[in-house]
Amino acid sequence: MARMRVRLTFPPERIQEPVIYHLVKDFDIVTNIRRADVKADHGWVILELEAKEETLERGIAWLKGKGVKVDPVERDVIVP
């Protein structure tokens, strides 16, 4: 099993969608919400993700396809 920590930044049109739910249900990725700030028009969440490496890659690709910005995080520091 692979683990990674990411910051997801949601565009306004995705705020009301259950994106994290779909990561769990459709990709079988275990998620752990570490921090989050969600408003009516924007939001971000720092997640720990755990799954097989190829599953994580498919899930991240799906997120990016939905317009969600995905940034890797190391020890609560966003990696550019």
N, C-alpha and C. Protein backbone atom coordinates (compact mmCIF):
# COMPACT_ATOMS: atom_id res chain seq x y z
N MET A 1 0.84 -1.19 0.00
CA MET A 1 0.00 0.00 0.00
C MET A 1 0.88 1.25 0.00
N ALA A 2 0.48 2.21 -0.79
CA ALA A 2 1.19 3.49 -0.86
C ALA A 2 0.38 4.54 -0.10
N ARG A 3 1.10 5.52 0.42
CA ARG A 3 0.47 6.63 1.13
C ARG A 3 0.98 7.93 0.57
N MET A 4 0.10 8.92 0.55
CA MET A 4 0.52 10.26 0.16
C MET A 4 -0.39 11.27 0.83
N ARG A 5 0.13 12.47 0.98
CA ARG A 5 -0.65 13.58 1.54
C ARG A 5 -0.74 14.64 0.46
N VAL A 6 -1.96 15.12 0.21
CA VAL A 6 -2.18 16.11 -0.84
C VAL A 6 -3.11 17.21 -0.35
N ARG A 7 -2.97 18.35 -1.01
CA ARG A 7 -3.93 19.44 -0.81
C ARG A 7 -4.78 19.53 -2.05
N LEU A 8 -6.08 19.41 -1.87
CA LEU A 8 -7.02 19.54 -2.97
C LEU A 8 -7.65 20.92 -2.90
N THR A 9 -7.61 21.65 -4.00
CA THR A 9 -8.25 22.95 -4.09
C THR A 9 -9.38 22.83 -5.10
N PHE A 10 -10.59 23.11 -4.64
CA PHE A 10 -11.78 22.89 -5.45
C PHE A 10 -12.22 24.16 -6.17
N PRO A 11 -12.54 24.05 -7.46
CA PRO A 11 -13.12 25.19 -8.17
C PRO A 11 -14.57 25.38 -7.70
N PRO A 12 -15.12 26.56 -7.89
CA PRO A 12 -16.48 26.83 -7.39
C PRO A 12 -17.53 25.82 -7.86
N GLU A 13 -17.42 25.33 -9.08
CA GLU A 13 -18.43 24.41 -9.59
C GLU A 13 -18.35 23.01 -8.98
N ARG A 14 -17.32 22.71 -8.23
CA ARG A 14 -17.17 21.39 -7.60
C ARG A 14 -17.43 21.40 -6.09
N ILE A 15 -17.68 22.56 -5.51
CA ILE A 15 -17.85 22.66 -4.05
C ILE A 15 -18.99 21.78 -3.54
N GLN A 16 -20.09 21.70 -4.26
CA GLN A 16 -21.26 20.95 -3.79
C GLN A 16 -21.21 19.47 -4.16
N GLU A 17 -20.19 19.03 -4.89
CA GLU A 17 -20.10 17.64 -5.30
C GLU A 17 -19.37 16.79 -4.25
N PRO A 18 -19.78 15.53 -4.07
CA PRO A 18 -19.14 14.64 -3.10
C PRO A 18 -17.86 14.01 -3.68
N VAL A 19 -16.87 14.83 -3.97
CA VAL A 19 -15.65 14.37 -4.64
C VAL A 19 -14.89 13.37 -3.79
N ILE A 20 -14.70 13.65 -2.52
CA ILE A 20 -13.95 12.74 -1.64
C ILE A 20 -14.70 11.42 -1.49
N TYR A 21 -16.00 11.48 -1.40
CA TYR A 21 -16.81 10.26 -1.34
C TYR A 21 -16.51 9.37 -2.55
N HIS A 22 -16.43 9.96 -3.74
CA HIS A 22 -16.17 9.17 -4.95
C HIS A 22 -14.75 8.59 -4.96
N LEU A 23 -13.79 9.28 -4.37
CA LEU A 23 -12.45 8.69 -4.24
C LEU A 23 -12.51 7.40 -3.45
N VAL A 24 -13.30 7.40 -2.39
CA VAL A 24 -13.43 6.22 -1.53
C VAL A 24 -14.23 5.13 -2.23
N LYS A 25 -15.40 5.47 -2.71
CA LYS A 25 -16.32 4.48 -3.28
C LYS A 25 -15.87 3.95 -4.64
N ASP A 26 -15.49 4.84 -5.55
CA ASP A 26 -15.19 4.43 -6.92
C ASP A 26 -13.76 3.92 -7.10
N PHE A 27 -12.83 4.40 -6.26
CA PHE A 27 -11.43 4.02 -6.43
C PHE A 27 -10.89 3.18 -5.27
N ASP A 28 -11.68 3.01 -4.22
CA ASP A 28 -11.25 2.23 -3.05
C ASP A 28 -9.99 2.82 -2.42
N ILE A 29 -9.97 4.15 -2.32
CA ILE A 29 -8.86 4.86 -1.68
C ILE A 29 -9.29 5.21 -0.26
N VAL A 30 -8.45 4.88 0.70
CA VAL A 30 -8.71 5.24 2.10
C VAL A 30 -8.28 6.69 2.28
N THR A 31 -9.18 7.52 2.82
CA THR A 31 -8.87 8.94 3.00
C THR A 31 -8.91 9.30 4.49
N ASN A 32 -8.10 10.27 4.84
CA ASN A 32 -8.09 10.82 6.19
C ASN A 32 -7.98 12.33 6.05
N ILE A 33 -9.03 13.04 6.42
CA ILE A 33 -9.03 14.50 6.31
C ILE A 33 -8.19 15.07 7.44
N ARG A 34 -7.15 15.83 7.10
CA ARG A 34 -6.27 16.42 8.10
C ARG A 34 -6.65 17.87 8.40
N ARG A 35 -7.01 18.62 7.37
CA ARG A 35 -7.45 20.01 7.52
C ARG A 35 -8.37 20.33 6.36
N ALA A 36 -9.23 21.31 6.56
CA ALA A 36 -10.12 21.70 5.48
C ALA A 36 -10.68 23.10 5.74
N ASP A 37 -11.01 23.77 4.67
CA ASP A 37 -11.70 25.06 4.72
C ASP A 37 -12.59 25.13 3.49
N VAL A 38 -13.88 25.01 3.71
CA VAL A 38 -14.82 25.00 2.59
C VAL A 38 -15.85 26.10 2.80
N LYS A 39 -15.97 26.94 1.80
CA LYS A 39 -16.95 28.04 1.81
C LYS A 39 -17.95 27.77 0.68
N ALA A 40 -18.89 28.67 0.50
CA ALA A 40 -19.89 28.50 -0.54
C ALA A 40 -19.31 28.55 -1.95
N ASP A 41 -18.21 29.30 -2.13
CA ASP A 41 -17.68 29.51 -3.49
C ASP A 41 -16.26 28.97 -3.71
N HIS A 42 -15.61 28.44 -2.69
CA HIS A 42 -14.27 27.87 -2.85
C HIS A 42 -13.97 26.97 -1.65
N GLY A 43 -12.94 26.15 -1.82
CA GLY A 43 -12.58 25.30 -0.71
C GLY A 43 -11.30 24.53 -0.97
N TRP A 44 -10.69 24.07 0.12
CA TRP A 44 -9.50 23.22 0.03
C TRP A 44 -9.55 22.22 1.17
N VAL A 45 -8.84 21.12 0.97
CA VAL A 45 -8.75 20.09 2.00
C VAL A 45 -7.38 19.43 1.88
N ILE A 46 -6.80 19.14 3.02
CA ILE A 46 -5.56 18.36 3.04
C ILE A 46 -5.96 16.94 3.43
N LEU A 47 -5.62 16.00 2.56
CA LEU A 47 -6.00 14.60 2.73
C LEU A 47 -4.79 13.70 2.78
N GLU A 48 -4.86 12.69 3.60
CA GLU A 48 -3.93 11.57 3.50
C GLU A 48 -4.66 10.52 2.69
N LEU A 49 -3.98 9.97 1.70
CA LEU A 49 -4.57 8.95 0.84
C LEU A 49 -3.77 7.66 0.97
N GLU A 50 -4.46 6.53 0.97
CA GLU A 50 -3.78 5.24 1.05
C GLU A 50 -4.48 4.25 0.12
N ALA A 51 -3.68 3.64 -0.76
CA ALA A 51 -4.18 2.62 -1.69
C ALA A 51 -2.97 2.08 -2.44
N LYS A 52 -3.21 1.17 -3.37
CA LYS A 52 -2.14 0.72 -4.24
C LYS A 52 -1.67 1.90 -5.09
N GLU A 53 -0.40 1.90 -5.45
CA GLU A 53 0.19 3.01 -6.20
C GLU A 53 -0.62 3.34 -7.46
N GLU A 54 -0.97 2.32 -8.24
CA GLU A 54 -1.71 2.57 -9.48
C GLU A 54 -3.11 3.10 -9.22
N THR A 55 -3.71 2.69 -8.11
CA THR A 55 -5.02 3.20 -7.73
C THR A 55 -4.94 4.68 -7.37
N LEU A 56 -3.91 5.06 -6.61
CA LEU A 56 -3.72 6.47 -6.29
C LEU A 56 -3.53 7.30 -7.55
N GLU A 57 -2.75 6.79 -8.49
CA GLU A 57 -2.51 7.52 -9.74
C GLU A 57 -3.82 7.72 -10.51
N ARG A 58 -4.66 6.68 -10.56
CA ARG A 58 -5.95 6.82 -11.25
C ARG A 58 -6.86 7.81 -10.54
N GLY A 59 -6.87 7.77 -9.22
CA GLY A 59 -7.70 8.70 -8.45
C GLY A 59 -7.25 10.14 -8.63
N ILE A 60 -5.94 10.38 -8.61
CA ILE A 60 -5.40 11.73 -8.80
C ILE A 60 -5.73 12.22 -10.21
N ALA A 61 -5.58 11.36 -11.20
CA ALA A 61 -5.91 11.74 -12.58
C ALA A 61 -7.39 12.10 -12.70
N TRP A 62 -8.25 11.35 -12.03
CA TRP A 62 -9.68 11.64 -12.04
C TRP A 62 -9.97 13.01 -11.42
N LEU A 63 -9.32 13.29 -10.28
CA LEU A 63 -9.50 14.59 -9.63
C LEU A 63 -9.10 15.73 -10.56
N LYS A 64 -7.94 15.60 -11.18
CA LYS A 64 -7.47 16.65 -12.09
C LYS A 64 -8.42 16.81 -13.27
N GLY A 65 -8.98 15.71 -13.76
CA GLY A 65 -9.95 15.77 -14.84
C GLY A 65 -11.22 16.50 -14.44
N LYS A 66 -11.53 16.51 -13.14
CA LYS A 66 -12.69 17.23 -12.62
C LYS A 66 -12.39 18.71 -12.37
N GLY A 67 -11.12 19.12 -12.59
CA GLY A 67 -10.75 20.51 -12.37
C GLY A 67 -10.27 20.80 -10.97
N VAL A 68 -10.06 19.75 -10.16
CA VAL A 68 -9.55 19.92 -8.80
C VAL A 68 -8.03 20.03 -8.88
N LYS A 69 -7.47 21.06 -8.26
CA LYS A 69 -6.02 21.22 -8.22
C LYS A 69 -5.46 20.30 -7.14
N VAL A 70 -4.44 19.53 -7.49
CA VAL A 70 -3.85 18.56 -6.56
C VAL A 70 -2.39 18.93 -6.35
N ASP A 71 -2.02 19.28 -5.11
CA ASP A 71 -0.65 19.61 -4.76
C ASP A 71 -0.16 18.65 -3.69
N PRO A 72 1.04 18.09 -3.87
CA PRO A 72 1.59 17.22 -2.82
C PRO A 72 1.96 18.04 -1.59
N VAL A 73 1.82 17.42 -0.43
CA VAL A 73 2.13 18.08 0.84
C VAL A 73 3.14 17.21 1.60
N GLU A 74 4.17 17.83 2.13
CA GLU A 74 5.13 17.15 3.00
C GLU A 74 5.18 17.87 4.33
N ARG A 75 4.81 17.18 5.35
CA ARG A 75 4.83 17.75 6.72
C ARG A 75 4.15 19.11 6.77
N ASP A 76 2.94 19.15 6.23
CA ASP A 76 2.10 20.36 6.23
C ASP A 76 2.71 21.52 5.44
N VAL A 77 3.60 21.23 4.53
CA VAL A 77 4.16 22.24 3.63
C VAL A 77 3.81 21.82 2.22
N ILE A 78 3.16 22.71 1.47
CA ILE A 78 2.80 22.39 0.10
C ILE A 78 4.06 22.44 -0.75
N VAL A 79 4.26 21.39 -1.53
CA VAL A 79 5.44 21.29 -2.38
C VAL A 79 5.11 21.86 -3.74
N PRO A 80 5.87 22.86 -4.21
CA PRO A 80 5.52 23.46 -5.52
C PRO A 80 5.80 22.50 -6.68
